[in-house]
Amino acid sequence: MNLILTVEEVREALYLDYDYNVEELERLSQTASSYLFELTKYDFSQDNPIEPLAKQFAIMFIRSLFFGADGYKKEHDYAVGMVSLGVHLQNIAKRKLEEDA
């Protein structure tokens, strides 16, 4: 599976400097890509261009992981938005999988 977000997109999403640990950024991107694949059973990373809603979901997911690592932070609670995007992405994935069948 390819990644939905590049290392640079993860860096920008988390407001980090250029010298932040690249391996950690890749791990976060892998985690978001894997989570979205498990949620939808579709690999959005294979699309060109990648579905913008998938990118937004991945950004919200990594922000919630990264900024919530030390405990709950209201300003980084993306639960409602992620549920909504997740439903839309499941519908998009279902349609794409049916088209491919």
PDB file of N, CA and C in Angstrom:
ATOM      1  N   MET A   1       0.846  -1.182   0.000  1.00  0.00           N
ATOM      2  CA  MET A   1       0.000   0.000   0.000  1.00  0.00           C
ATOM      3  C   MET A   1       0.889   1.242   0.000  1.00  0.00           C
ATOM      4  N   ASN A   2       0.557   2.162  -0.876  1.00  0.00           N
ATOM      5  CA  ASN A   2       1.230   3.457  -0.889  1.00  0.00           C
ATOM      6  C   ASN A   2       0.641   4.332   0.209  1.00  0.00           C
ATOM      7  N   LEU A   3       1.168   5.527   0.349  1.00  0.00           N
ATOM      8  CA  LEU A   3       0.707   6.428   1.397  1.00  0.00           C
ATOM      9  C   LEU A   3      -0.250   7.472   0.836  1.00  0.00           C
ATOM     10  N   ILE A   4      -1.256   7.819   1.618  1.00  0.00           N
ATOM     11  CA  ILE A   4      -2.215   8.840   1.218  1.00  0.00           C
ATOM     12  C   ILE A   4      -1.576  10.227   1.324  1.00  0.00           C
ATOM     13  N   LEU A   5      -0.753  10.412   2.350  1.00  0.00           N
ATOM     14  CA  LEU A   5      -0.070  11.695   2.557  1.00  0.00           C
ATOM     15  C   LEU A   5       1.433  11.517   2.413  1.00  0.00           C
ATOM     16  N   THR A   6       2.063  12.448   1.754  1.00  0.00           N
ATOM     17  CA  THR A   6       3.517  12.457   1.682  1.00  0.00           C
ATOM     18  C   THR A   6       4.080  12.920   3.024  1.00  0.00           C
ATOM     19  N   VAL A   7       5.368  12.707   3.208  1.00  0.00           N
ATOM     20  CA  VAL A   7       6.035  13.182   4.426  1.00  0.00           C
ATOM     21  C   VAL A   7       5.876  14.694   4.548  1.00  0.00           C
ATOM     22  N   GLU A   8       5.999  15.383   3.455  1.00  0.00           N
ATOM     23  CA  GLU A   8       5.860  16.847   3.483  1.00  0.00           C
ATOM     24  C   GLU A   8       4.439  17.258   3.872  1.00  0.00           C
ATOM     25  N   GLU A   9       3.435  16.552   3.371  1.00  0.00           N
ATOM     26  CA  GLU A   9       2.052  16.865   3.741  1.00  0.00           C
ATOM     27  C   GLU A   9       1.811  16.614   5.230  1.00  0.00           C
ATOM     28  N   VAL A  10       2.415  15.562   5.774  1.00  0.00           N
ATOM     29  CA  VAL A  10       2.291  15.289   7.207  1.00  0.00           C
ATOM     30  C   VAL A  10       2.978  16.391   7.999  1.00  0.00           C
ATOM     31  N   ARG A  11       4.167  16.758   7.575  1.00  0.00           N
ATOM     32  CA  ARG A  11       4.916  17.835   8.245  1.00  0.00           C
ATOM     33  C   ARG A  11       4.092  19.126   8.281  1.00  0.00           C
ATOM     34  N   GLU A  12       3.502  19.484   7.159  1.00  0.00           N
ATOM     35  CA  GLU A  12       2.688  20.703   7.092  1.00  0.00           C
ATOM     36  C   GLU A  12       1.426  20.581   7.948  1.00  0.00           C
ATOM     37  N   ALA A  13       0.806  19.414   7.930  1.00  0.00           N
ATOM     38  CA  ALA A  13      -0.420  19.213   8.711  1.00  0.00           C
ATOM     39  C   ALA A  13      -0.167  19.356  10.206  1.00  0.00           C
ATOM     40  N   LEU A  14       1.043  19.012  10.628  1.00  0.00           N
ATOM     41  CA  LEU A  14       1.385  19.061  12.051  1.00  0.00           C
ATOM     42  C   LEU A  14       2.187  20.308  12.425  1.00  0.00           C
ATOM     43  N   TYR A  15       2.377  21.192  11.464  1.00  0.00           N
ATOM     44  CA  TYR A  15       3.073  22.470  11.704  1.00  0.00           C
ATOM     45  C   TYR A  15       4.490  22.253  12.238  1.00  0.00           C
ATOM     46  N   LEU A  16       5.217  21.294  11.643  1.00  0.00           N
ATOM     47  CA  LEU A  16       6.540  20.937  12.134  1.00  0.00           C
ATOM     48  C   LEU A  16       7.645  21.532  11.270  1.00  0.00           C
ATOM     49  N   ASP A  17       8.821  21.687  11.865  1.00  0.00           N
ATOM     50  CA  ASP A  17       9.995  22.154  11.144  1.00  0.00           C
ATOM     51  C   ASP A  17      10.520  21.062  10.220  1.00  0.00           C
ATOM     52  N   TYR A  18      11.333  21.468   9.260  1.00  0.00           N
ATOM     53  CA  TYR A  18      11.862  20.556   8.251  1.00  0.00           C
ATOM     54  C   TYR A  18      12.748  19.455   8.843  1.00  0.00           C
ATOM     55  N   ASP A  19      13.308  19.665  10.015  1.00  0.00           N
ATOM     56  CA  ASP A  19      14.245  18.691  10.585  1.00  0.00           C
ATOM     57  C   ASP A  19      13.581  17.696  11.541  1.00  0.00           C
ATOM     58  N   TYR A  20      12.242  17.670  11.562  1.00  0.00           N
ATOM     59  CA  TYR A  20      11.546  16.704  12.413  1.00  0.00           C
ATOM     60  C   TYR A  20      11.807  15.296  11.870  1.00  0.00           C
ATOM     61  N   ASN A  21      11.804  14.328  12.718  1.00  0.00           N
ATOM     62  CA  ASN A  21      12.115  12.935  12.399  1.00  0.00           C
ATOM     63  C   ASN A  21      11.249  12.405  11.243  1.00  0.00           C
ATOM     64  N   VAL A  22      11.896  12.146  10.118  1.00  0.00           N
ATOM     65  CA  VAL A  22      11.198  11.686   8.911  1.00  0.00           C
ATOM     66  C   VAL A  22      10.563  10.320   9.133  1.00  0.00           C
ATOM     67  N   GLU A  23      11.227   9.450   9.863  1.00  0.00           N
ATOM     68  CA  GLU A  23      10.672   8.120  10.120  1.00  0.00           C
ATOM     69  C   GLU A  23       9.355   8.209  10.887  1.00  0.00           C
ATOM     70  N   GLU A  24       9.267   9.131  11.827  1.00  0.00           N
ATOM     71  CA  GLU A  24       8.021   9.323  12.578  1.00  0.00           C
ATOM     72  C   GLU A  24       6.919   9.849  11.664  1.00  0.00           C
ATOM     73  N   LEU A  25       7.261  10.766  10.758  1.00  0.00           N
ATOM     74  CA  LEU A  25       6.279  11.297   9.816  1.00  0.00           C
ATOM     75  C   LEU A  25       5.774  10.192   8.892  1.00  0.00           C
ATOM     76  N   GLU A  26       6.672   9.346   8.427  1.00  0.00           N
ATOM     77  CA  GLU A  26       6.277   8.222   7.576  1.00  0.00           C
ATOM     78  C   GLU A  26       5.377   7.252   8.339  1.00  0.00           C
ATOM     79  N   ARG A  27       5.717   7.001   9.601  1.00  0.00           N
ATOM     80  CA  ARG A  27       4.912   6.095  10.421  1.00  0.00           C
ATOM     81  C   ARG A  27       3.492   6.636  10.590  1.00  0.00           C
ATOM     82  N   LEU A  28       3.378   7.927  10.827  1.00  0.00           N
ATOM     83  CA  LEU A  28       2.055   8.538  10.960  1.00  0.00           C
ATOM     84  C   LEU A  28       1.258   8.413   9.657  1.00  0.00           C
ATOM     85  N   SER A  29       1.922   8.634   8.534  1.00  0.00           N
ATOM     86  CA  SER A  29       1.246   8.514   7.244  1.00  0.00           C
ATOM     87  C   SER A  29       0.826   7.068   6.993  1.00  0.00           C
ATOM     88  N   GLN A  30       1.693   6.124   7.325  1.00  0.00           N
ATOM     89  CA  GLN A  30       1.355   4.703   7.171  1.00  0.00           C
ATOM     90  C   GLN A  30       0.162   4.329   8.043  1.00  0.00           C
ATOM     91  N   THR A  31       0.152   4.840   9.262  1.00  0.00           N
ATOM     92  CA  THR A  31      -0.934   4.543  10.185  1.00  0.00           C
ATOM     93  C   THR A  31      -2.265   5.071   9.650  1.00  0.00           C
ATOM     94  N   ALA A  32      -2.261   6.302   9.160  1.00  0.00           N
ATOM     95  CA  ALA A  32      -3.484   6.892   8.602  1.00  0.00           C
ATOM     96  C   ALA A  32      -3.946   6.129   7.363  1.00  0.00           C
ATOM     97  N   SER A  33      -3.016   5.771   6.496  1.00  0.00           N
ATOM     98  CA  SER A  33      -3.365   5.033   5.280  1.00  0.00           C
ATOM     99  C   SER A  33      -3.940   3.662   5.627  1.00  0.00           C
ATOM    100  N   SER A  34      -3.322   2.983   6.581  1.00  0.00           N
ATOM    101  CA  SER A  34      -3.792   1.675   7.006  1.00  0.00           C
ATOM    102  C   SER A  34      -5.170   1.764   7.651  1.00  0.00           C
ATOM    103  N   TYR A  35      -5.362   2.770   8.497  1.00  0.00           N
ATOM    104  CA  TYR A  35      -6.654   2.949   9.164  1.00  0.00           C
ATOM    105  C   TYR A  35      -7.764   3.167   8.136  1.00  0.00           C
ATOM    106  N   LEU A  36      -7.503   4.013   7.156  1.00  0.00           N
ATOM    107  CA  LEU A  36      -8.518   4.298   6.149  1.00  0.00           C
ATOM    108  C   LEU A  36      -8.798   3.066   5.289  1.00  0.00           C
ATOM    109  N   PHE A  37      -7.765   2.289   4.997  1.00  0.00           N
ATOM    110  CA  PHE A  37      -7.983   1.054   4.236  1.00  0.00           C
ATOM    111  C   PHE A  37      -8.853   0.089   5.032  1.00  0.00           C
ATOM    112  N   GLU A  38      -8.587  -0.061   6.323  1.00  0.00           N
ATOM    113  CA  GLU A  38      -9.390  -0.955   7.158  1.00  0.00           C
ATOM    114  C   GLU A  38     -10.828  -0.467   7.283  1.00  0.00           C
ATOM    115  N   LEU A  39     -11.008   0.835   7.317  1.00  0.00           N
ATOM    116  CA  LEU A  39     -12.339   1.419   7.430  1.00  0.00           C
ATOM    117  C   LEU A  39     -13.167   1.202   6.164  1.00  0.00           C
ATOM    118  N   THR A  40     -12.521   1.327   5.008  1.00  0.00           N
ATOM    119  CA  THR A  40     -13.252   1.321   3.737  1.00  0.00           C
ATOM    120  C   THR A  40     -13.036   0.074   2.886  1.00  0.00           C
ATOM    121  N   LYS A  41     -11.989  -0.677   3.179  1.00  0.00           N
ATOM    122  CA  LYS A  41     -11.576  -1.839   2.352  1.00  0.00           C
ATOM    123  C   LYS A  41     -11.181  -1.407   0.941  1.00  0.00           C
ATOM    124  N   TYR A  42     -10.766  -0.153   0.815  1.00  0.00           N
ATOM    125  CA  TYR A  42     -10.325   0.386  -0.474  1.00  0.00           C
ATOM    126  C   TYR A  42      -9.032   1.159  -0.259  1.00  0.00           C
ATOM    127  N   ASP A  43      -8.092   0.995  -1.176  1.00  0.00           N
ATOM    128  CA  ASP A  43      -6.800   1.663  -1.089  1.00  0.00           C
ATOM    129  C   ASP A  43      -6.848   2.984  -1.866  1.00  0.00           C
ATOM    130  N   PHE A  44      -7.196   4.059  -1.172  1.00  0.00           N
ATOM    131  CA  PHE A  44      -7.276   5.368  -1.812  1.00  0.00           C
ATOM    132  C   PHE A  44      -5.919   5.856  -2.313  1.00  0.00           C
ATOM    133  N   SER A  45      -4.830   5.304  -1.795  1.00  0.00           N
ATOM    134  CA  SER A  45      -3.506   5.742  -2.229  1.00  0.00           C
ATOM    135  C   SER A  45      -3.218   5.354  -3.673  1.00  0.00           C
ATOM    136  N   GLN A  46      -3.974   4.418  -4.220  1.00  0.00           N
ATOM    137  CA  GLN A  46      -3.751   3.986  -5.606  1.00  0.00           C
ATOM    138  C   GLN A  46      -4.363   4.951  -6.621  1.00  0.00           C
ATOM    139  N   ASP A  47      -5.243   5.821  -6.167  1.00  0.00           N
ATOM    140  CA  ASP A  47      -5.919   6.747  -7.074  1.00  0.00           C
ATOM    141  C   ASP A  47      -4.997   7.898  -7.466  1.00  0.00           C
ATOM    142  N   ASN A  48      -5.174   8.366  -8.674  1.00  0.00           N
ATOM    143  CA  ASN A  48      -4.415   9.526  -9.146  1.00  0.00           C
ATOM    144  C   ASN A  48      -5.383  10.452  -9.868  1.00  0.00           C
ATOM    145  N   PRO A  49      -5.736  11.560  -9.260  1.00  0.00           N
ATOM    146  CA  PRO A  49      -5.253  12.057  -7.973  1.00  0.00           C
ATOM    147  C   PRO A  49      -5.966  11.354  -6.815  1.00  0.00           C
ATOM    148  N   ILE A  50      -5.345  11.418  -5.650  1.00  0.00           N
ATOM    149  CA  ILE A  50      -5.941  10.838  -4.458  1.00  0.00           C
ATOM    150  C   ILE A  50      -7.166  11.658  -4.070  1.00  0.00           C
ATOM    151  N   GLU A  51      -8.222  10.959  -3.718  1.00  0.00           N
ATOM    152  CA  GLU A  51      -9.476  11.594  -3.306  1.00  0.00           C
ATOM    153  C   GLU A  51      -9.206  12.644  -2.217  1.00  0.00           C
ATOM    154  N   PRO A  52      -9.611  13.896  -2.446  1.00  0.00           N
ATOM    155  CA  PRO A  52      -9.377  14.952  -1.449  1.00  0.00           C
ATOM    156  C   PRO A  52      -9.975  14.655  -0.078  1.00  0.00           C
ATOM    157  N   LEU A  53     -11.108  13.977  -0.039  1.00  0.00           N
ATOM    158  CA  LEU A  53     -11.696  13.623   1.251  1.00  0.00           C
ATOM    159  C   LEU A  53     -10.823  12.621   1.996  1.00  0.00           C
ATOM    160  N   ALA A  54     -10.148  11.741   1.268  1.00  0.00           N
ATOM    161  CA  ALA A  54      -9.235  10.779   1.901  1.00  0.00           C
ATOM    162  C   ALA A  54      -8.035  11.511   2.495  1.00  0.00           C
ATOM    163  N   LYS A  55      -7.525  12.485   1.768  1.00  0.00           N
ATOM    164  CA  LYS A  55      -6.414  13.285   2.291  1.00  0.00           C
ATOM    165  C   LYS A  55      -6.840  14.042   3.547  1.00  0.00           C
ATOM    166  N   GLN A  56      -8.018  14.637   3.523  1.00  0.00           N
ATOM    167  CA  GLN A  56      -8.493  15.385   4.683  1.00  0.00           C
ATOM    168  C   GLN A  56      -8.698  14.461   5.878  1.00  0.00           C
ATOM    169  N   PHE A  57      -9.254  13.288   5.641  1.00  0.00           N
ATOM    170  CA  PHE A  57      -9.430  12.310   6.715  1.00  0.00           C
ATOM    171  C   PHE A  57      -8.079  11.955   7.322  1.00  0.00           C
ATOM    172  N   ALA A  58      -7.094  11.689   6.468  1.00  0.00           N
ATOM    173  CA  ALA A  58      -5.767  11.316   6.951  1.00  0.00           C
ATOM    174  C   ALA A  58      -5.138  12.443   7.778  1.00  0.00           C
ATOM    175  N   ILE A  59      -5.317  13.677   7.345  1.00  0.00           N
ATOM    176  CA  ILE A  59      -4.792  14.827   8.090  1.00  0.00           C
ATOM    177  C   ILE A  59      -5.449  14.899   9.470  1.00  0.00           C
ATOM    178  N   MET A  60      -6.748  14.765   9.513  1.00  0.00           N
ATOM    179  CA  MET A  60      -7.449  14.817  10.788  1.00  0.00           C
ATOM    180  C   MET A  60      -7.015  13.667  11.695  1.00  0.00           C
ATOM    181  N   PHE A  61      -6.830  12.503  11.114  1.00  0.00           N
ATOM    182  CA  PHE A  61      -6.424  11.329  11.881  1.00  0.00           C
ATOM    183  C   PHE A  61      -5.041  11.537  12.505  1.00  0.00           C
ATOM    184  N   ILE A  62      -4.076  11.974  11.700  1.00  0.00           N
ATOM    185  CA  ILE A  62      -2.727  12.144  12.253  1.00  0.00           C
ATOM    186  C   ILE A  62      -2.674  13.295  13.259  1.00  0.00           C
ATOM    187  N   ARG A  63      -3.456  14.340  13.037  1.00  0.00           N
ATOM    188  CA  ARG A  63      -3.498  15.424  14.023  1.00  0.00           C
ATOM    189  C   ARG A  63      -4.055  14.919  15.348  1.00  0.00           C
ATOM    190  N   SER A  64      -5.098  14.111  15.295  1.00  0.00           N
ATOM    191  CA  SER A  64      -5.672  13.596  16.539  1.00  0.00           C
ATOM    192  C   SER A  64      -4.679  12.687  17.261  1.00  0.00           C
ATOM    193  N   LEU A  65      -3.920  11.887  16.517  1.00  0.00           N
ATOM    194  CA  LEU A  65      -2.894  11.046  17.135  1.00  0.00           C
ATOM    195  C   LEU A  65      -1.758  11.879  17.724  1.00  0.00           C
ATOM    196  N   PHE A  66      -1.250  12.782  16.929  1.00  0.00           N
ATOM    197  CA  PHE A  66      -0.074  13.559  17.304  1.00  0.00           C
ATOM    198  C   PHE A  66      -0.361  14.519  18.455  1.00  0.00           C
ATOM    199  N   PHE A  67      -1.402  15.305  18.315  1.00  0.00           N
ATOM    200  CA  PHE A  67      -1.695  16.318  19.333  1.00  0.00           C
ATOM    201  C   PHE A  67      -2.402  15.742  20.554  1.00  0.00           C
ATOM    202  N   GLY A  68      -2.964  14.550  20.422  1.00  0.00           N
ATOM    203  CA  GLY A  68      -3.634  13.923  21.548  1.00  0.00           C
ATOM    204  C   GLY A  68      -2.760  12.942  22.304  1.00  0.00           C
ATOM    205  N   ALA A  69      -1.487  12.852  21.943  1.00  0.00           N
ATOM    206  CA  ALA A  69      -0.589  11.891  22.571  1.00  0.00           C
ATOM    207  C   ALA A  69      -0.424  12.123  24.068  1.00  0.00           C
ATOM    208  N   ASP A  70      -0.546  13.348  24.506  1.00  0.00           N
ATOM    209  CA  ASP A  70      -0.386  13.678  25.926  1.00  0.00           C
ATOM    210  C   ASP A  70      -1.722  13.807  26.650  1.00  0.00           C
ATOM    211  N   GLY A  71      -2.785  13.398  26.025  1.00  0.00           N
ATOM    212  CA  GLY A  71      -4.104  13.493  26.637  1.00  0.00           C
ATOM    213  C   GLY A  71      -5.075  14.251  25.751  1.00  0.00           C
ATOM    214  N   TYR A  72      -6.309  14.268  26.162  1.00  0.00           N
ATOM    215  CA  TYR A  72      -7.364  14.900  25.378  1.00  0.00           C
ATOM    216  C   TYR A  72      -7.142  16.407  25.249  1.00  0.00           C
ATOM    217  N   LYS A  73      -7.299  16.882  24.013  1.00  0.00           N
ATOM    218  CA  LYS A  73      -7.221  18.313  23.734  1.00  0.00           C
ATOM    219  C   LYS A  73      -8.422  18.677  22.865  1.00  0.00           C
ATOM    220  N   LYS A  74      -9.301  19.471  23.428  1.00  0.00           N
ATOM    221  CA  LYS A  74     -10.546  19.834  22.745  1.00  0.00           C
ATOM    222  C   LYS A  74     -10.295  20.411  21.352  1.00  0.00           C
ATOM    223  N   GLU A  75      -9.264  21.252  21.214  1.00  0.00           N
ATOM    224  CA  GLU A  75      -9.002  21.896  19.927  1.00  0.00           C
ATOM    225  C   GLU A  75      -8.534  20.915  18.849  1.00  0.00           C
ATOM    226  N   HIS A  76      -8.189  19.709  19.249  1.00  0.00           N
ATOM    227  CA  HIS A  76      -7.778  18.687  18.277  1.00  0.00           C
ATOM    228  C   HIS A  76      -8.671  17.457  18.347  1.00  0.00           C
ATOM    229  N   ASP A  77      -9.912  17.672  18.702  1.00  0.00           N
ATOM    230  CA  ASP A  77     -10.900  16.596  18.724  1.00  0.00           C
ATOM    231  C   ASP A  77     -11.628  16.614  17.381  1.00  0.00           C
ATOM    232  N   TYR A  78     -11.273  15.687  16.527  1.00  0.00           N
ATOM    233  CA  TYR A  78     -11.821  15.628  15.175  1.00  0.00           C
ATOM    234  C   TYR A  78     -12.825  14.487  15.014  1.00  0.00           C
ATOM    235  N   ALA A  79     -13.310  13.942  16.119  1.00  0.00           N
ATOM    236  CA  ALA A  79     -14.147  12.745  16.073  1.00  0.00           C
ATOM    237  C   ALA A  79     -15.376  12.912  15.186  1.00  0.00           C
ATOM    238  N   VAL A  80     -16.116  13.981  15.356  1.00  0.00           N
ATOM    239  CA  VAL A  80     -17.343  14.170  14.572  1.00  0.00           C
ATOM    240  C   VAL A  80     -17.015  14.294  13.081  1.00  0.00           C
ATOM    241  N   GLY A  81     -16.025  15.093  12.760  1.00  0.00           N
ATOM    242  CA  GLY A  81     -15.632  15.258  11.363  1.00  0.00           C
ATOM    243  C   GLY A  81     -15.124  13.976  10.744  1.00  0.00           C
ATOM    244  N   MET A  82     -14.365  13.201  11.522  1.00  0.00           N
ATOM    245  CA  MET A  82     -13.831  11.945  11.003  1.00  0.00           C
ATOM    246  C   MET A  82     -14.938  10.919  10.769  1.00  0.00           C
ATOM    247  N   VAL A  83     -15.927  10.891  11.644  1.00  0.00           N
ATOM    248  CA  VAL A  83     -17.048   9.963  11.438  1.00  0.00           C
ATOM    249  C   VAL A  83     -17.787  10.330  10.152  1.00  0.00           C
ATOM    250  N   SER A  84     -18.053  11.611   9.975  1.00  0.00           N
ATOM    251  CA  SER A  84     -18.752  12.069   8.778  1.00  0.00           C
ATOM    252  C   SER A  84     -17.950  11.760   7.516  1.00  0.00           C
ATOM    253  N   LEU A  85     -16.677  12.115   7.517  1.00  0.00           N
ATOM    254  CA  LEU A  85     -15.834  11.814   6.360  1.00  0.00           C
ATOM    255  C   LEU A  85     -15.723  10.316   6.139  1.00  0.00           C
ATOM    256  N   GLY A  86     -15.636   9.555   7.222  1.00  0.00           N
ATOM    257  CA  GLY A  86     -15.533   8.102   7.103  1.00  0.00           C
ATOM    258  C   GLY A  86     -16.727   7.499   6.381  1.00  0.00           C
ATOM    259  N   VAL A  87     -17.908   7.985   6.688  1.00  0.00           N
ATOM    260  CA  VAL A  87     -19.118   7.490   6.017  1.00  0.00           C
ATOM    261  C   VAL A  87     -19.067   7.828   4.530  1.00  0.00           C
ATOM    262  N   HIS A  88     -18.707   9.050   4.212  1.00  0.00           N
ATOM    263  CA  HIS A  88     -18.601   9.438   2.799  1.00  0.00           C
ATOM    264  C   HIS A  88     -17.551   8.593   2.079  1.00  0.00           C
ATOM    265  N   LEU A  89     -16.424   8.373   2.723  1.00  0.00           N
ATOM    266  CA  LEU A  89     -15.357   7.590   2.099  1.00  0.00           C
ATOM    267  C   LEU A  89     -15.757   6.126   1.939  1.00  0.00           C
ATOM    268  N   GLN A  90     -16.513   5.593   2.878  1.00  0.00           N
ATOM    269  CA  GLN A  90     -17.015   4.228   2.718  1.00  0.00           C
ATOM    270  C   GLN A  90     -17.934   4.135   1.503  1.00  0.00           C
ATOM    271  N   ASN A  91     -18.776   5.141   1.306  1.00  0.00           N
ATOM    272  CA  ASN A  91     -19.661   5.149   0.138  1.00  0.00           C
ATOM    273  C   ASN A  91     -18.878   5.283  -1.157  1.00  0.00           C
ATOM    274  N   ILE A  92     -17.878   6.142  -1.167  1.00  0.00           N
ATOM    275  CA  ILE A  92     -17.028   6.307  -2.356  1.00  0.00           C
ATOM    276  C   ILE A  92     -16.302   4.999  -2.640  1.00  0.00           C
ATOM    277  N   ALA A  93     -15.752   4.378  -1.599  1.00  0.00           N
ATOM    278  CA  ALA A  93     -15.015   3.126  -1.767  1.00  0.00           C
ATOM    279  C   ALA A  93     -15.929   2.031  -2.311  1.00  0.00           C
ATOM    280  N   LYS A  94     -17.125   1.945  -1.771  1.00  0.00           N
ATOM    281  CA  LYS A  94     -18.078   0.934  -2.236  1.00  0.00           C
ATOM    282  C   LYS A  94     -18.366   1.116  -3.722  1.00  0.00           C
ATOM    283  N   ARG A  95     -18.587   2.351  -4.118  1.00  0.00           N
ATOM    284  CA  ARG A  95     -18.852   2.638  -5.529  1.00  0.00           C
ATOM    285  C   ARG A  95     -17.662   2.255  -6.410  1.00  0.00           C
ATOM    286  N   LYS A  96     -16.462   2.626  -5.974  1.00  0.00           N
ATOM    287  CA  LYS A  96     -15.260   2.316  -6.759  1.00  0.00           C
ATOM    288  C   LYS A  96     -15.032   0.815  -6.856  1.00  0.00           C
ATOM    289  N   LEU A  97     -15.252   0.113  -5.760  1.00  0.00           N
ATOM    290  CA  LEU A  97     -15.073  -1.348  -5.771  1.00  0.00           C
ATOM    291  C   LEU A  97     -16.097  -2.017  -6.676  1.00  0.00           C
ATOM    292  N   GLU A  98     -17.313  -1.510  -6.689  1.00  0.00           N
ATOM    293  CA  GLU A  98     -18.344  -2.060  -7.589  1.00  0.00           C
ATOM    294  C   GLU A  98     -18.011  -1.798  -9.043  1.00  0.00           C
ATOM    295  N   GLU A  99     -17.446  -0.619  -9.319  1.00  0.00           N
ATOM    296  CA  GLU A  99     -17.048  -0.293 -10.693  1.00  0.00           C
ATOM    297  C   GLU A  99     -15.913  -1.191 -11.181  1.00  0.00           C
ATOM    298  N   ASP A 100     -15.022  -1.562 -10.255  1.00  0.00           N
ATOM    299  CA  ASP A 100     -13.873  -2.399 -10.606  1.00  0.00           C
ATOM    300  C   ASP A 100     -14.258  -3.864 -10.785  1.00  0.00           C
ATOM    301  N   ALA A 101     -15.395  -4.254 -10.212  1.00  0.00           N
ATOM    302  CA  ALA A 101     -15.801  -5.682 -10.254  1.00  0.00           C
ATOM    303  C   ALA A 101     -16.306  -6.094 -11.608  1.00  0.00           C
TER     304      ALA A 101
END
